[in-house]
Structure formats: C-alpha cells, structure tokens
C-alpha cells in the first residue's frame, strides 16, 4: 500500500515544508519546495519511532 505525498502538519502556512509518502515497509520524506532533489527513505520501524518521540515531546 502506498499513500500519496502529504505535507507535514507541523509546517507553518505551507512554507518550508516536508512531504511524506508512507508505505507498509518504509516512508519517503522530501522537501516540498524542491521535490526534484529526491527523497530520503526510512524503514517503517524507524519512521514510527520518530513519530512517537515527536508526539511525546522528546524531539
């Protein structure tokens, strides 16, 4: 399962955003202002841990 690219909810007013595309096994992250520069791919377990820490205020 692949989702479409979506912008971070932490991005202010749509500027300087990151976009995420989540898959079952990984998540792709890219700069929404420069999507042609490619993306960084994270394993799903690392992406999930990152989001948990972010929500818990650890980052």
N, C-alpha and C. Protein backbone atom coordinates (compact mmCIF):
# COMPACT_ATOMS: atom_id res chain seq x y z
N UNK A 1 0.84 -1.19 0.00
CA UNK A 1 0.00 0.00 0.00
C UNK A 1 0.88 1.24 0.00
N UNK A 2 0.61 2.15 -0.88
CA UNK A 2 1.33 3.41 -0.96
C UNK A 2 0.34 4.55 -0.84
N UNK A 3 0.68 5.53 -0.05
CA UNK A 3 -0.17 6.71 0.03
C UNK A 3 0.41 7.79 -0.85
N UNK A 4 -0.37 8.82 -1.10
CA UNK A 4 0.12 9.97 -1.84
C UNK A 4 1.00 10.82 -0.93
N UNK A 5 1.76 11.71 -1.53
CA UNK A 5 2.56 12.65 -0.75
C UNK A 5 1.63 13.55 0.04
N UNK A 6 1.96 13.82 1.30
CA UNK A 6 1.21 14.79 2.09
C UNK A 6 2.19 15.63 2.89
N UNK A 7 1.81 16.88 3.15
CA UNK A 7 2.68 17.80 3.87
C UNK A 7 2.58 17.57 5.37
N UNK A 8 3.66 17.88 6.03
CA UNK A 8 3.72 17.75 7.48
C UNK A 8 2.70 18.68 8.14
N UNK A 9 2.04 18.21 9.16
CA UNK A 9 1.10 19.05 9.91
C UNK A 9 1.85 20.08 10.74
N UNK A 10 3.16 19.92 10.89
CA UNK A 10 3.97 20.87 11.64
C UNK A 10 4.48 22.01 10.78
N UNK A 11 4.21 21.98 9.50
CA UNK A 11 4.68 23.03 8.60
C UNK A 11 3.81 24.27 8.75
N UNK A 12 4.43 25.41 8.87
CA UNK A 12 3.71 26.67 9.08
C UNK A 12 3.29 27.28 7.75
N UNK A 13 2.00 27.47 7.57
CA UNK A 13 1.45 28.16 6.40
C UNK A 13 1.92 27.61 5.06
N UNK A 14 2.28 26.37 5.00
CA UNK A 14 2.68 25.75 3.75
C UNK A 14 4.07 26.12 3.27
N UNK A 15 4.82 26.87 4.06
CA UNK A 15 6.18 27.26 3.66
C UNK A 15 7.20 26.35 4.34
N UNK A 16 8.32 26.14 3.68
CA UNK A 16 9.40 25.33 4.23
C UNK A 16 8.90 23.99 4.76
N UNK A 17 8.17 23.30 3.93
CA UNK A 17 7.51 22.06 4.34
C UNK A 17 8.31 20.83 3.96
N UNK A 18 8.03 19.79 4.68
CA UNK A 18 8.45 18.47 4.24
C UNK A 18 7.19 17.73 3.85
N UNK A 19 7.34 16.82 2.90
CA UNK A 19 6.24 15.96 2.48
C UNK A 19 6.63 14.53 2.79
N UNK A 20 5.63 13.73 3.10
CA UNK A 20 5.85 12.32 3.45
C UNK A 20 4.95 11.47 2.58
N UNK A 21 5.49 10.34 2.17
CA UNK A 21 4.72 9.31 1.47
C UNK A 21 4.99 8.02 2.22
N UNK A 22 3.96 7.47 2.84
CA UNK A 22 4.12 6.30 3.68
C UNK A 22 3.75 5.01 2.95
N UNK A 23 4.54 4.01 3.18
CA UNK A 23 4.34 2.67 2.63
C UNK A 23 4.25 1.70 3.81
N UNK A 24 3.93 0.48 3.55
CA UNK A 24 3.86 -0.52 4.61
C UNK A 24 5.24 -0.75 5.22
N UNK A 25 6.28 -0.78 4.40
CA UNK A 25 7.62 -1.11 4.89
C UNK A 25 8.56 0.08 5.04
N UNK A 26 8.18 1.24 4.54
CA UNK A 26 9.06 2.41 4.63
C UNK A 26 8.26 3.69 4.48
N UNK A 27 8.95 4.82 4.71
CA UNK A 27 8.37 6.15 4.50
C UNK A 27 9.40 6.98 3.74
N UNK A 28 8.93 7.70 2.72
CA UNK A 28 9.77 8.61 1.96
C UNK A 28 9.51 10.03 2.47
N UNK A 29 10.57 10.81 2.60
CA UNK A 29 10.47 12.20 3.06
C UNK A 29 11.21 13.07 2.06
N UNK A 30 10.60 14.19 1.67
CA UNK A 30 11.24 15.11 0.74
C UNK A 30 10.90 16.55 1.08
N UNK A 31 11.66 17.46 0.53
CA UNK A 31 11.44 18.89 0.65
C UNK A 31 10.36 19.29 -0.35
N UNK A 32 9.25 19.83 0.14
CA UNK A 32 8.15 20.17 -0.77
C UNK A 32 8.51 21.33 -1.69
N UNK A 33 9.47 22.15 -1.30
CA UNK A 33 9.88 23.27 -2.14
C UNK A 33 10.80 22.82 -3.28
N UNK A 34 11.45 21.65 -3.11
CA UNK A 34 12.40 21.13 -4.10
C UNK A 34 12.24 19.62 -4.28
N UNK A 35 11.07 19.17 -4.69
CA UNK A 35 10.85 17.72 -4.79
C UNK A 35 11.73 17.04 -5.83
N UNK A 36 12.23 17.80 -6.76
CA UNK A 36 13.09 17.22 -7.80
C UNK A 36 14.45 16.80 -7.24
N UNK A 37 14.76 17.19 -6.04
CA UNK A 37 16.04 16.81 -5.42
C UNK A 37 16.00 15.42 -4.80
N UNK A 38 14.88 14.75 -4.89
CA UNK A 38 14.78 13.39 -4.39
C UNK A 38 14.20 13.31 -2.99
N UNK A 39 14.34 12.14 -2.41
CA UNK A 39 13.77 11.91 -1.09
C UNK A 39 14.71 11.05 -0.25
N UNK A 40 14.44 11.02 1.04
CA UNK A 40 15.15 10.14 1.96
C UNK A 40 14.15 9.07 2.36
N UNK A 41 14.57 7.83 2.36
CA UNK A 41 13.69 6.72 2.71
C UNK A 41 14.10 6.15 4.06
N UNK A 42 13.10 5.96 4.93
CA UNK A 42 13.31 5.40 6.26
C UNK A 42 12.53 4.10 6.38
N UNK A 43 13.10 3.09 7.05
CA UNK A 43 12.32 1.89 7.34
C UNK A 43 11.10 2.27 8.19
N UNK A 44 10.01 1.55 8.02
CA UNK A 44 8.77 1.86 8.74
C UNK A 44 8.98 1.88 10.25
N UNK A 45 9.79 0.98 10.78
CA UNK A 45 10.01 0.94 12.23
C UNK A 45 10.70 2.21 12.73
N UNK A 46 11.66 2.72 11.95
CA UNK A 46 12.35 3.96 12.34
C UNK A 46 11.42 5.16 12.22
N UNK A 47 10.62 5.21 11.18
CA UNK A 47 9.68 6.30 10.98
C UNK A 47 8.66 6.32 12.12
N UNK A 48 8.16 5.16 12.48
CA UNK A 48 7.19 5.06 13.57
C UNK A 48 7.81 5.52 14.89
N UNK A 49 9.03 5.11 15.17
CA UNK A 49 9.72 5.52 16.40
C UNK A 49 9.94 7.03 16.41
N UNK A 50 10.30 7.61 15.27
CA UNK A 50 10.48 9.06 15.16
C UNK A 50 9.17 9.78 15.49
N UNK A 51 8.06 9.34 14.90
CA UNK A 51 6.77 9.98 15.15
C UNK A 51 6.35 9.84 16.61
N UNK A 52 6.59 8.70 17.22
CA UNK A 52 6.26 8.51 18.64
C UNK A 52 7.06 9.47 19.51
N UNK A 53 8.35 9.61 19.25
CA UNK A 53 9.19 10.52 20.02
C UNK A 53 8.76 11.97 19.80
N UNK A 54 8.40 12.31 18.58
CA UNK A 54 7.94 13.66 18.27
C UNK A 54 6.67 13.97 19.05
N UNK A 55 5.72 13.07 19.02
CA UNK A 55 4.45 13.27 19.73
C UNK A 55 4.63 13.33 21.24
N UNK A 56 5.63 12.62 21.74
CA UNK A 56 5.90 12.59 23.18
C UNK A 56 6.71 13.79 23.64
N UNK A 57 7.09 14.67 22.70
CA UNK A 57 7.85 15.85 23.04
C UNK A 57 9.32 15.59 23.30
N UNK A 58 9.82 14.46 22.86
CA UNK A 58 11.21 14.11 23.08
C UNK A 58 12.15 14.76 22.07
N UNK A 59 11.59 15.31 21.01
CA UNK A 59 12.41 15.95 19.97
C UNK A 59 12.11 17.43 19.88
